[in-house]
């Protein structure tokens, strides 16, 4: 086997996506019923938690054990405040499920030594959780996503997902309906109605770019043609602008399906669509864009810009 460090064939991705949705054997619970260990949130967790003041922040959820195989769970948490990572706090082990996880801003201050007060936490900051599960047989399942590998046997080549930490790929895929206990996080959203369309005009810089666009690239943004809309000029260097709509009430960004490039990797016209969050009060916004061509999808990738 050899690990893949390049973009997968679009056809391979399409085939894998189709198999993931239709092959009953790929359901992780089928394996877990044989003795594996897995916890997931009873209700989907929000990746962004909006609040009027940081002091009012509440992050809570219930982890459930769908197969009854888990005997112990523990996790650690850290924050990234204004781009700087905090120290780490450990919690557990917990041996009774369902398990309630509940944090306020004050709880993060108490847990993390590098945060002295709630005033140290601001809008746009994020907190990250990583957990491990031990099953009845003493096997430990931990937070490491499966790797993509290419298998070459004679003249045949196939794409496989190789488990790490004995954890199936599907447990990390939000489209499978799970919100796993191994890796989860959230960002603190700005208050509703804090977005100002006029303030978007200017030059922004990419701080996270997982597809095509170079890191630290400069992108000019203009106010859009309609209310609460802005336009990112020539985003992918192909002459196409990207139009983004913002809902000021909850800061949700929407990117309708639109052309982005004349040709992506030899597959023809490239298009994008997606959603995201405006952190106007913190001076940045983040988009999750699905990149497609006529043959199918390359997947969804994060694009984050600050001013």
C-alpha atoms as a PDB file:
ATOM      1  CA  UNK A   1       0.000   0.000   0.000  1.00  0.00           C
ATOM      2  CA  UNK A   2       1.060   3.590  -0.440  1.00  0.00           C
ATOM      3  CA  UNK A   3      -0.478   6.628   1.200  1.00  0.00           C
ATOM      4  CA  UNK A   4      -2.114   9.207  -1.060  1.00  0.00           C
ATOM      5  CA  UNK A   5      -0.966  12.804  -0.718  1.00  0.00           C
ATOM      6  CA  UNK A   6      -2.721  14.112  -3.834  1.00  0.00           C
ATOM      7  CA  UNK A   7      -6.325  14.864  -4.773  1.00  0.00           C
ATOM      8  CA  UNK A   8      -8.221  11.665  -5.455  1.00  0.00           C
ATOM      9  CA  UNK A   9      -9.682  10.961  -8.850  1.00  0.00           C
ATOM     10  CA  UNK A  10     -13.100  12.547  -8.971  1.00  0.00           C
ATOM     11  CA  UNK A  11     -14.524   9.294 -10.232  1.00  0.00           C
ATOM     12  CA  UNK A  12     -13.025   7.423  -7.296  1.00  0.00           C
ATOM     13  CA  UNK A  13     -14.623   9.866  -4.890  1.00  0.00           C
ATOM     14  CA  UNK A  14     -17.994   9.539  -6.550  1.00  0.00           C
ATOM     15  CA  UNK A  15     -17.825   5.744  -6.469  1.00  0.00           C
ATOM     16  CA  UNK A  16     -16.783   5.746  -2.816  1.00  0.00           C
ATOM     17  CA  UNK A  17     -19.559   8.169  -1.878  1.00  0.00           C
ATOM     18  CA  UNK A  18     -22.123   5.984  -3.629  1.00  0.00           C
ATOM     19  CA  UNK A  19     -20.883   2.852  -1.875  1.00  0.00           C
ATOM     20  CA  UNK A  20     -20.812   4.618   1.487  1.00  0.00           C
ATOM     21  CA  UNK A  21     -24.477   5.459   1.186  1.00  0.00           C
ATOM     22  CA  UNK A  22     -25.707   2.099  -0.079  1.00  0.00           C
ATOM     23  CA  UNK A  23     -23.472  -0.646   1.337  1.00  0.00           C
ATOM     24  CA  UNK A  24     -24.989  -1.895   4.598  1.00  0.00           C
ATOM     25  CA  UNK A  25     -21.619  -3.333   5.648  1.00  0.00           C
ATOM     26  CA  UNK A  26     -20.164   0.174   5.937  1.00  0.00           C
ATOM     27  CA  UNK A  27     -22.498   1.097   8.810  1.00  0.00           C
ATOM     28  CA  UNK A  28     -20.138   1.335  11.808  1.00  0.00           C
ATOM     29  CA  UNK A  29     -22.815   0.080  14.166  1.00  0.00           C
ATOM     30  CA  UNK A  30     -22.777  -3.272  12.367  1.00  0.00           C
ATOM     31  CA  UNK A  31     -19.175  -3.683  13.503  1.00  0.00           C
ATOM     32  CA  UNK A  32     -19.728  -2.153  16.920  1.00  0.00           C
ATOM     33  CA  UNK A  33     -22.471  -4.638  17.762  1.00  0.00           C
ATOM     34  CA  UNK A  34     -19.737  -7.263  17.655  1.00  0.00           C
ATOM     35  CA  UNK A  35     -17.985  -5.578  20.581  1.00  0.00           C
ATOM     36  CA  UNK A  36     -16.539  -2.244  19.435  1.00  0.00           C
ATOM     37  CA  UNK A  37     -16.719   1.013  21.381  1.00  0.00           C
ATOM     38  CA  UNK A  38     -18.437   4.210  20.255  1.00  0.00           C
ATOM     39  CA  UNK A  39     -20.265   7.177  21.772  1.00  0.00           C
ATOM     40  CA  UNK A  40     -22.050   9.900  19.856  1.00  0.00           C
ATOM     41  CA  UNK A  41     -24.165  12.938  20.620  1.00  0.00           C
ATOM     42  CA  UNK A  42     -27.856  12.238  20.969  1.00  0.00           C
ATOM     43  CA  UNK A  43     -28.662  15.491  19.135  1.00  0.00           C
ATOM     44  CA  UNK A  44     -26.437  17.101  16.491  1.00  0.00           C
ATOM     45  CA  UNK A  45     -24.111  19.686  17.981  1.00  0.00           C
ATOM     46  CA  UNK A  46     -23.752  23.162  16.515  1.00  0.00           C
ATOM     47  CA  UNK A  47     -20.297  24.013  15.190  1.00  0.00           C
ATOM     48  CA  UNK A  48     -20.968  27.660  16.063  1.00  0.00           C
ATOM     49  CA  UNK A  49     -22.719  28.735  19.246  1.00  0.00           C
ATOM     50  CA  UNK A  50     -24.054  32.267  19.080  1.00  0.00           C
ATOM     51  CA  UNK A  51     -24.396  34.343  22.221  1.00  0.00           C
ATOM     52  CA  UNK A  52     -25.056  37.973  23.073  1.00  0.00           C
ATOM     53  CA  UNK A  53     -22.206  38.035  25.591  1.00  0.00           C
ATOM     54  CA  UNK A  54     -19.358  35.569  26.136  1.00  0.00           C
ATOM     55  CA  UNK A  55     -20.351  35.282  29.793  1.00  0.00           C
ATOM     56  CA  UNK A  56     -23.662  33.759  28.676  1.00  0.00           C
ATOM     57  CA  UNK A  57     -21.977  31.000  26.639  1.00  0.00           C
ATOM     58  CA  UNK A  58     -23.294  27.462  27.196  1.00  0.00           C
ATOM     59  CA  UNK A  59     -22.036  24.339  25.433  1.00  0.00           C
ATOM     60  CA  UNK A  60     -23.957  21.193  26.298  1.00  0.00           C
ATOM     61  CA  UNK A  61     -24.855  17.824  24.853  1.00  0.00           C
ATOM     62  CA  UNK A  62     -25.604  14.212  25.724  1.00  0.00           C
ATOM     63  CA  UNK A  63     -23.339  11.349  24.667  1.00  0.00           C
ATOM     64  CA  UNK A  64     -25.055   7.991  24.249  1.00  0.00           C
ATOM     65  CA  UNK A  65     -23.717   4.439  23.929  1.00  0.00           C
ATOM     66  CA  UNK A  66     -25.775   2.843  21.107  1.00  0.00           C
ATOM     67  CA  UNK A  67     -24.524  -0.710  21.634  1.00  0.00           C
ATOM     68  CA  UNK A  68     -23.790  -0.903  25.361  1.00  0.00           C
ATOM     69  CA  UNK A  69     -20.152  -1.852  24.760  1.00  0.00           C
ATOM     70  CA  UNK A  70     -18.473   1.167  26.404  1.00  0.00           C
ATOM     71  CA  UNK A  71     -17.093   0.805  29.931  1.00  0.00           C
ATOM     72  CA  UNK A  72     -15.043   4.019  30.097  1.00  0.00           C
ATOM     73  CA  UNK A  73     -14.762   7.392  28.375  1.00  0.00           C
ATOM     74  CA  UNK A  74     -12.378  10.260  28.956  1.00  0.00           C
ATOM     75  CA  UNK A  75     -11.566  13.408  27.040  1.00  0.00           C
ATOM     76  CA  UNK A  76      -9.432  16.512  27.089  1.00  0.00           C
ATOM     77  CA  UNK A  77     -10.236  20.047  26.007  1.00  0.00           C
ATOM     78  CA  UNK A  78      -8.242  23.084  24.960  1.00  0.00           C
ATOM     79  CA  UNK A  79      -9.065  26.483  23.528  1.00  0.00           C
ATOM     80  CA  UNK A  80      -7.686  28.632  20.720  1.00  0.00           C
ATOM     81  CA  UNK A  81      -8.097  32.236  21.850  1.00  0.00           C
ATOM     82  CA  UNK A  82      -7.180  34.964  19.364  1.00  0.00           C
ATOM     83  CA  UNK A  83      -5.163  32.352  17.481  1.00  0.00           C
ATOM     84  CA  UNK A  84      -3.198  31.159  20.531  1.00  0.00           C
ATOM     85  CA  UNK A  85      -3.683  27.656  21.932  1.00  0.00           C
ATOM     86  CA  UNK A  86      -4.324  27.301  25.665  1.00  0.00           C
ATOM     87  CA  UNK A  87      -3.178  24.540  27.960  1.00  0.00           C
ATOM     88  CA  UNK A  88      -5.139  21.270  28.112  1.00  0.00           C
ATOM     89  CA  UNK A  89      -7.544  20.003  30.761  1.00  0.00           C
ATOM     90  CA  UNK A  90      -8.453  16.320  31.220  1.00  0.00           C
ATOM     91  CA  UNK A  91     -11.854  14.967  32.226  1.00  0.00           C
ATOM     92  CA  UNK A  92     -12.954  11.491  33.245  1.00  0.00           C
ATOM     93  CA  UNK A  93     -12.894   8.592  33.172  1.00  0.00           C
ATOM     94  CA  UNK A  94     -16.676   8.303  33.028  1.00  0.00           C
ATOM     95  CA  UNK A  95     -18.303   4.907  33.395  1.00  0.00           C
ATOM     96  CA  UNK A  96     -22.029   5.641  33.226  1.00  0.00           C
ATOM     97  CA  UNK A  97     -23.947   6.546  30.070  1.00  0.00           C
ATOM     98  CA  UNK A  98     -25.732   8.585  28.753  1.00  0.00           C
ATOM     99  CA  UNK A  99     -23.161  11.230  29.701  1.00  0.00           C
ATOM    100  CA  UNK A 100     -23.969  14.927  29.960  1.00  0.00           C
ATOM    101  CA  UNK A 101     -21.270  17.367  28.825  1.00  0.00           C
ATOM    102  CA  UNK A 102     -21.878  20.918  29.948  1.00  0.00           C
ATOM    103  CA  UNK A 103     -19.522  23.907  29.816  1.00  0.00           C
ATOM    104  CA  UNK A 104     -20.051  27.600  30.451  1.00  0.00           C
ATOM    105  CA  UNK A 105     -17.441  30.278  29.846  1.00  0.00           C
ATOM    106  CA  UNK A 106     -16.722  30.236  33.576  1.00  0.00           C
ATOM    107  CA  UNK A 107     -16.170  26.462  33.425  1.00  0.00           C
ATOM    108  CA  UNK A 108     -13.489  26.900  30.756  1.00  0.00           C
ATOM    109  CA  UNK A 109     -11.780  29.494  32.972  1.00  0.00           C
ATOM    110  CA  UNK A 110     -11.804  27.074  35.897  1.00  0.00           C
ATOM    111  CA  UNK A 111     -10.523  24.155  33.814  1.00  0.00           C
ATOM    112  CA  UNK A 112      -7.751  25.868  31.837  1.00  0.00           C
ATOM    113  CA  UNK A 113      -4.894  27.476  33.754  1.00  0.00           C
ATOM    114  CA  UNK A 114      -3.922  29.812  30.910  1.00  0.00           C
ATOM    115  CA  UNK A 115      -7.331  31.535  31.014  1.00  0.00           C
ATOM    116  CA  UNK A 116      -7.503  33.848  34.000  1.00  0.00           C
ATOM    117  CA  UNK A 117     -11.010  35.243  33.498  1.00  0.00           C
ATOM    118  CA  UNK A 118     -14.000  35.233  31.150  1.00  0.00           C
ATOM    119  CA  UNK A 119     -12.660  38.521  29.779  1.00  0.00           C
ATOM    120  CA  UNK A 120      -9.855  36.483  28.146  1.00  0.00           C
ATOM    121  CA  UNK A 121     -12.423  34.730  25.924  1.00  0.00           C
ATOM    122  CA  UNK A 122     -13.813  36.568  22.916  1.00  0.00           C
ATOM    123  CA  UNK A 123     -16.162  36.093  19.971  1.00  0.00           C
ATOM    124  CA  UNK A 124     -14.563  33.945  17.282  1.00  0.00           C
ATOM    125  CA  UNK A 125     -12.561  31.909  19.799  1.00  0.00           C
ATOM    126  CA  UNK A 126     -12.950  28.137  19.652  1.00  0.00           C
ATOM    127  CA  UNK A 127     -12.721  25.105  21.940  1.00  0.00           C
ATOM    128  CA  UNK A 128     -11.659  21.620  20.894  1.00  0.00           C
ATOM    129  CA  UNK A 129     -12.409  18.247  22.485  1.00  0.00           C
ATOM    130  CA  UNK A 130     -10.687  14.898  21.953  1.00  0.00           C
ATOM    131  CA  UNK A 131     -11.838  11.676  23.571  1.00  0.00           C
ATOM    132  CA  UNK A 132     -11.044   7.988  23.961  1.00  0.00           C
ATOM    133  CA  UNK A 133     -13.367   5.049  24.529  1.00  0.00           C
ATOM    134  CA  UNK A 134     -12.549   1.730  26.198  1.00  0.00           C
ATOM    135  CA  UNK A 135     -14.835  -1.231  25.461  1.00  0.00           C
ATOM    136  CA  UNK A 136     -15.621  -4.339  27.498  1.00  0.00           C
ATOM    137  CA  UNK A 137     -12.607  -6.171  26.086  1.00  0.00           C
ATOM    138  CA  UNK A 138     -10.213  -3.410  27.142  1.00  0.00           C
ATOM    139  CA  UNK A 139      -9.699  -2.156  23.587  1.00  0.00           C
ATOM    140  CA  UNK A 140      -9.172   1.597  23.273  1.00  0.00           C
ATOM    141  CA  UNK A 141     -10.712   3.647  20.472  1.00  0.00           C
ATOM    142  CA  UNK A 142      -9.230   7.094  20.011  1.00  0.00           C
ATOM    143  CA  UNK A 143      -9.388  10.258  17.938  1.00  0.00           C
ATOM    144  CA  UNK A 144      -7.356   9.678  14.837  1.00  0.00           C
ATOM    145  CA  UNK A 145      -9.127   9.844  11.496  1.00  0.00           C
ATOM    146  CA  UNK A 146      -8.633   6.989   9.032  1.00  0.00           C
ATOM    147  CA  UNK A 147      -6.084   7.485   6.272  1.00  0.00           C
ATOM    148  CA  UNK A 148      -6.724   7.337   2.557  1.00  0.00           C
ATOM    149  CA  UNK A 149      -4.566   4.756   0.822  1.00  0.00           C
ATOM    150  CA  UNK A 150      -4.165   3.473  -2.690  1.00  0.00           C
ATOM    151  CA  UNK A 151      -3.971  -0.296  -3.107  1.00  0.00           C
ATOM    152  CA  UNK A 152      -2.218  -1.589  -6.214  1.00  0.00           C
ATOM    153  CA  UNK A 153      -2.565  -5.291  -7.014  1.00  0.00           C
ATOM    154  CA  UNK A 154      -1.261  -6.177 -10.451  1.00  0.00           C
ATOM    155  CA  UNK A 155      -3.109  -3.989 -12.926  1.00  0.00           C
ATOM    156  CA  UNK A 156      -5.893  -3.152 -10.479  1.00  0.00           C
ATOM    157  CA  UNK A 157      -5.919  -0.007  -8.348  1.00  0.00           C
ATOM    158  CA  UNK A 158      -8.441   0.775  -5.616  1.00  0.00           C
ATOM    159  CA  UNK A 159      -8.951   3.401  -2.919  1.00  0.00           C
ATOM    160  CA  UNK A 160      -9.447   2.296   0.686  1.00  0.00           C
ATOM    161  CA  UNK A 161      -9.806   3.977   4.064  1.00  0.00           C
ATOM    162  CA  UNK A 162      -7.449   2.457   6.599  1.00  0.00           C
ATOM    163  CA  UNK A 163      -8.674   2.735  10.210  1.00  0.00           C
ATOM    164  CA  UNK A 164      -6.581   4.416  12.885  1.00  0.00           C
ATOM    165  CA  UNK A 165      -7.420   3.882  16.526  1.00  0.00           C
ATOM    166  CA  UNK A 166      -9.707   1.041  15.378  1.00  0.00           C
ATOM    167  CA  UNK A 167     -12.185   3.715  14.305  1.00  0.00           C
ATOM    168  CA  UNK A 168     -14.241   3.471  11.121  1.00  0.00           C
ATOM    169  CA  UNK A 169     -14.260   6.302   8.581  1.00  0.00           C
ATOM    170  CA  UNK A 170     -18.054   6.614   8.792  1.00  0.00           C
ATOM    171  CA  UNK A 171     -17.947   7.686  12.437  1.00  0.00           C
ATOM    172  CA  UNK A 172     -16.039  10.815  11.369  1.00  0.00           C
ATOM    173  CA  UNK A 173     -18.388  11.623   8.475  1.00  0.00           C
ATOM    174  CA  UNK A 174     -21.201  13.979   9.598  1.00  0.00           C
ATOM    175  CA  UNK A 175     -23.259  12.851   6.602  1.00  0.00           C
ATOM    176  CA  UNK A 176     -23.553   9.396   8.164  1.00  0.00           C
ATOM    177  CA  UNK A 177     -25.777  10.830  10.898  1.00  0.00           C
ATOM    178  CA  UNK A 178     -23.318  10.571  13.787  1.00  0.00           C
ATOM    179  CA  UNK A 179     -21.627  13.269  15.849  1.00  0.00           C
ATOM    180  CA  UNK A 180     -18.811  11.252  17.362  1.00  0.00           C
ATOM    181  CA  UNK A 181     -17.237  11.573  20.797  1.00  0.00           C
ATOM    182  CA  UNK A 182     -13.672  11.366  19.491  1.00  0.00           C
ATOM    183  CA  UNK A 183     -13.249  14.795  17.896  1.00  0.00           C
ATOM    184  CA  UNK A 184     -15.632  17.723  18.283  1.00  0.00           C
ATOM    185  CA  UNK A 185     -15.343  21.472  18.648  1.00  0.00           C
ATOM    186  CA  UNK A 186     -17.242  24.732  18.457  1.00  0.00           C
ATOM    187  CA  UNK A 187     -16.591  28.428  17.885  1.00  0.00           C
ATOM    188  CA  UNK A 188     -18.242  31.323  19.707  1.00  0.00           C
ATOM    189  CA  UNK A 189     -20.474  33.174  17.267  1.00  0.00           C
ATOM    190  CA  UNK A 190     -20.998  36.923  17.212  1.00  0.00           C
ATOM    191  CA  UNK A 191     -24.305  38.364  18.438  1.00  0.00           C
ATOM    192  CA  UNK A 192     -27.148  38.500  15.958  1.00  0.00           C
ATOM    193  CA  UNK A 193     -27.487  41.651  13.865  1.00  0.00           C
ATOM    194  CA  UNK A 194     -23.854  42.618  14.426  1.00  0.00           C
ATOM    195  CA  UNK A 195     -22.994  42.253  10.724  1.00  0.00           C
ATOM    196  CA  UNK A 196     -22.424  45.453   8.723  1.00  0.00           C
ATOM    197  CA  UNK A 197     -22.440  45.100   4.938  1.00  0.00           C
ATOM    198  CA  UNK A 198     -20.589  48.364   4.324  1.00  0.00           C
ATOM    199  CA  UNK A 199     -17.638  47.214   6.430  1.00  0.00           C
ATOM    200  CA  UNK A 200     -16.901  44.245   4.162  1.00  0.00           C
ATOM    201  CA  UNK A 201     -15.329  46.314   1.371  1.00  0.00           C
ATOM    202  CA  UNK A 202     -11.559  46.077   1.234  1.00  0.00           C
ATOM    203  CA  UNK A 203      -8.732  43.551   1.002  1.00  0.00           C
ATOM    204  CA  UNK A 204      -8.993  40.341   3.016  1.00  0.00           C
ATOM    205  CA  UNK A 205      -6.384  37.630   3.591  1.00  0.00           C
ATOM    206  CA  UNK A 206      -6.858  33.873   3.565  1.00  0.00           C
ATOM    207  CA  UNK A 207      -5.881  32.340   6.913  1.00  0.00           C
ATOM    208  CA  UNK A 208      -7.176  28.841   6.100  1.00  0.00           C
ATOM    209  CA  UNK A 209      -7.419  27.534   2.547  1.00  0.00           C
ATOM    210  CA  UNK A 210      -7.842  23.786   2.068  1.00  0.00           C
ATOM    211  CA  UNK A 211      -8.399  23.802  -1.691  1.00  0.00           C
ATOM    212  CA  UNK A 212      -6.742  25.557  -4.630  1.00  0.00           C
ATOM    213  CA  UNK A 213      -6.311  29.045  -3.132  1.00  0.00           C
ATOM    214  CA  UNK A 214      -2.839  29.728  -1.653  1.00  0.00           C
ATOM    215  CA  UNK A 215      -2.511  30.505   2.029  1.00  0.00           C
ATOM    216  CA  UNK A 216      -2.096  34.199   2.864  1.00  0.00           C
ATOM    217  CA  UNK A 217      -3.627  35.158  -0.495  1.00  0.00           C
ATOM    218  CA  UNK A 218      -5.107  38.661  -0.813  1.00  0.00           C
ATOM    219  CA  UNK A 219      -8.728  38.782  -1.967  1.00  0.00           C
ATOM    220  CA  UNK A 220     -10.630  41.979  -2.708  1.00  0.00           C
ATOM    221  CA  UNK A 221     -14.189  42.104  -1.389  1.00  0.00           C
ATOM    222  CA  UNK A 222     -16.888  44.489  -2.560  1.00  0.00           C
ATOM    223  CA  UNK A 223     -20.373  45.029  -1.179  1.00  0.00           C
ATOM    224  CA  UNK A 224     -22.940  43.045  -3.146  1.00  0.00           C
ATOM    225  CA  UNK A 225     -25.754  44.156  -5.388  1.00  0.00           C
ATOM    226  CA  UNK A 226     -28.418  43.268  -2.820  1.00  0.00           C
ATOM    227  CA  UNK A 227     -28.803  43.842   0.900  1.00  0.00           C
ATOM    228  CA  UNK A 228     -26.559  41.736   3.151  1.00  0.00           C
ATOM    229  CA  UNK A 229     -24.497  40.432   0.238  1.00  0.00           C
ATOM    230  CA  UNK A 230     -20.807  40.733  -0.606  1.00  0.00           C
ATOM    231  CA  UNK A 231     -18.681  39.712  -3.586  1.00  0.00           C
ATOM    232  CA  UNK A 232     -15.223  38.116  -3.456  1.00  0.00           C
ATOM    233  CA  UNK A 233     -13.389  39.169  -6.612  1.00  0.00           C
ATOM    234  CA  UNK A 234     -11.601  36.607  -8.807  1.00  0.00           C
ATOM    235  CA  UNK A 235     -11.342  34.152  -5.922  1.00  0.00           C
ATOM    236  CA  UNK A 236      -9.766  31.223  -7.774  1.00  0.00           C
ATOM    237  CA  UNK A 237      -7.717  33.300 -10.207  1.00  0.00           C
ATOM    238  CA  UNK A 238      -9.932  32.372 -13.152  1.00  0.00           C
ATOM    239  CA  UNK A 239     -11.930  35.588 -13.492  1.00  0.00           C
ATOM    240  CA  UNK A 240     -14.971  34.334 -11.594  1.00  0.00           C
ATOM    241  CA  UNK A 241     -16.308  36.250  -8.598  1.00  0.00           C
ATOM    242  CA  UNK A 242     -17.863  34.530  -5.595  1.00  0.00           C
ATOM    243  CA  UNK A 243     -21.134  35.974  -4.299  1.00  0.00           C
ATOM    244  CA  UNK A 244     -21.952  35.395  -0.631  1.00  0.00           C
ATOM    245  CA  UNK A 245     -25.232  36.169   1.146  1.00  0.00           C
ATOM    246  CA  UNK A 246     -25.353  36.778   4.898  1.00  0.00           C
ATOM    247  CA  UNK A 247     -28.308  36.388   7.236  1.00  0.00           C
ATOM    248  CA  UNK A 248     -27.639  39.074   9.877  1.00  0.00           C
ATOM    249  CA  UNK A 249     -29.953  37.453  12.415  1.00  0.00           C
ATOM    250  CA  UNK A 250     -27.691  34.427  12.902  1.00  0.00           C
ATOM    251  CA  UNK A 251     -24.574  35.317  10.837  1.00  0.00           C
ATOM    252  CA  UNK A 252     -25.039  32.326   8.525  1.00  0.00           C
ATOM    253  CA  UNK A 253     -23.353  32.720   5.127  1.00  0.00           C
ATOM    254  CA  UNK A 254     -24.793  31.073   2.008  1.00  0.00           C
ATOM    255  CA  UNK A 255     -22.964  30.502  -1.250  1.00  0.00           C
ATOM    256  CA  UNK A 256     -25.422  29.541  -3.974  1.00  0.00           C
ATOM    257  CA  UNK A 257     -24.227  27.190  -6.719  1.00  0.00           C
ATOM    258  CA  UNK A 258     -21.994  29.238  -9.058  1.00  0.00           C
ATOM    259  CA  UNK A 259     -19.125  28.851 -11.510  1.00  0.00           C
ATOM    260  CA  UNK A 260     -15.605  29.229 -10.131  1.00  0.00           C
ATOM    261  CA  UNK A 261     -13.101  28.148 -12.823  1.00  0.00           C
ATOM    262  CA  UNK A 262     -13.020  27.216 -16.500  1.00  0.00           C
ATOM    263  CA  UNK A 263     -11.168  23.992 -15.782  1.00  0.00           C
ATOM    264  CA  UNK A 264     -10.200  22.124 -12.630  1.00  0.00           C
ATOM    265  CA  UNK A 265      -7.497  19.478 -13.011  1.00  0.00           C
ATOM    266  CA  UNK A 266      -8.605  18.616 -16.531  1.00  0.00           C
ATOM    267  CA  UNK A 267     -12.210  17.829 -15.561  1.00  0.00           C
ATOM    268  CA  UNK A 268     -13.799  20.936 -17.067  1.00  0.00           C
ATOM    269  CA  UNK A 269     -15.849  23.784 -15.567  1.00  0.00           C
ATOM    270  CA  UNK A 270     -15.487  24.022 -11.808  1.00  0.00           C
ATOM    271  CA  UNK A 271     -18.290  25.216  -9.527  1.00  0.00           C
ATOM    272  CA  UNK A 272     -18.765  25.820  -5.820  1.00  0.00           C
ATOM    273  CA  UNK A 273     -21.577  26.051  -3.322  1.00  0.00           C
ATOM    274  CA  UNK A 274     -21.760  25.950   0.444  1.00  0.00           C
ATOM    275  CA  UNK A 275     -22.396  27.654   3.746  1.00  0.00           C
ATOM    276  CA  UNK A 276     -20.402  29.324   6.474  1.00  0.00           C
ATOM    277  CA  UNK A 277     -20.403  31.752   9.377  1.00  0.00           C
ATOM    278  CA  UNK A 278     -19.710  35.466   9.547  1.00  0.00           C
ATOM    279  CA  UNK A 279     -17.684  36.526  12.604  1.00  0.00           C
ATOM    280  CA  UNK A 280     -17.907  40.208  11.770  1.00  0.00           C
ATOM    281  CA  UNK A 281     -17.318  41.370  15.338  1.00  0.00           C
ATOM    282  CA  UNK A 282     -14.098  39.307  15.378  1.00  0.00           C
ATOM    283  CA  UNK A 283     -12.937  40.423  11.924  1.00  0.00           C
ATOM    284  CA  UNK A 284     -13.151  37.180   9.961  1.00  0.00           C
ATOM    285  CA  UNK A 285     -15.516  34.756   8.254  1.00  0.00           C
ATOM    286  CA  UNK A 286     -15.340  31.067   7.375  1.00  0.00           C
ATOM    287  CA  UNK A 287     -16.886  29.158   4.466  1.00  0.00           C
ATOM    288  CA  UNK A 288     -17.240  25.448   3.763  1.00  0.00           C
ATOM    289  CA  UNK A 289     -17.340  25.157  -0.020  1.00  0.00           C
ATOM    290  CA  UNK A 290     -18.137  22.038  -2.004  1.00  0.00           C
ATOM    291  CA  UNK A 291     -16.062  21.965  -5.205  1.00  0.00           C
ATOM    292  CA  UNK A 292     -17.603  20.150  -8.146  1.00  0.00           C
ATOM    293  CA  UNK A 293     -17.137  19.449 -11.848  1.00  0.00           C
ATOM    294  CA  UNK A 294     -19.462  17.700 -14.265  1.00  0.00           C
ATOM    295  CA  UNK A 295     -18.248  14.262 -13.190  1.00  0.00           C
ATOM    296  CA  UNK A 296     -18.888  14.803  -9.484  1.00  0.00           C
ATOM    297  CA  UNK A 297     -17.555  16.365  -6.305  1.00  0.00           C
ATOM    298  CA  UNK A 298     -14.049  16.854  -4.940  1.00  0.00           C
ATOM    299  CA  UNK A 299     -15.631  17.278  -1.489  1.00  0.00           C
ATOM    300  CA  UNK A 300     -16.112  20.241   0.853  1.00  0.00           C
ATOM    301  CA  UNK A 301     -13.184  22.376   2.008  1.00  0.00           C
ATOM    302  CA  UNK A 302     -12.716  25.270   4.406  1.00  0.00           C
ATOM    303  CA  UNK A 303     -11.896  28.805   3.301  1.00  0.00           C
ATOM    304  CA  UNK A 304     -11.312  31.340   6.063  1.00  0.00           C
ATOM    305  CA  UNK A 305     -10.450  35.016   5.600  1.00  0.00           C
ATOM    306  CA  UNK A 306      -9.638  37.893   7.927  1.00  0.00           C
ATOM    307  CA  UNK A 307      -9.448  41.623   7.287  1.00  0.00           C
END
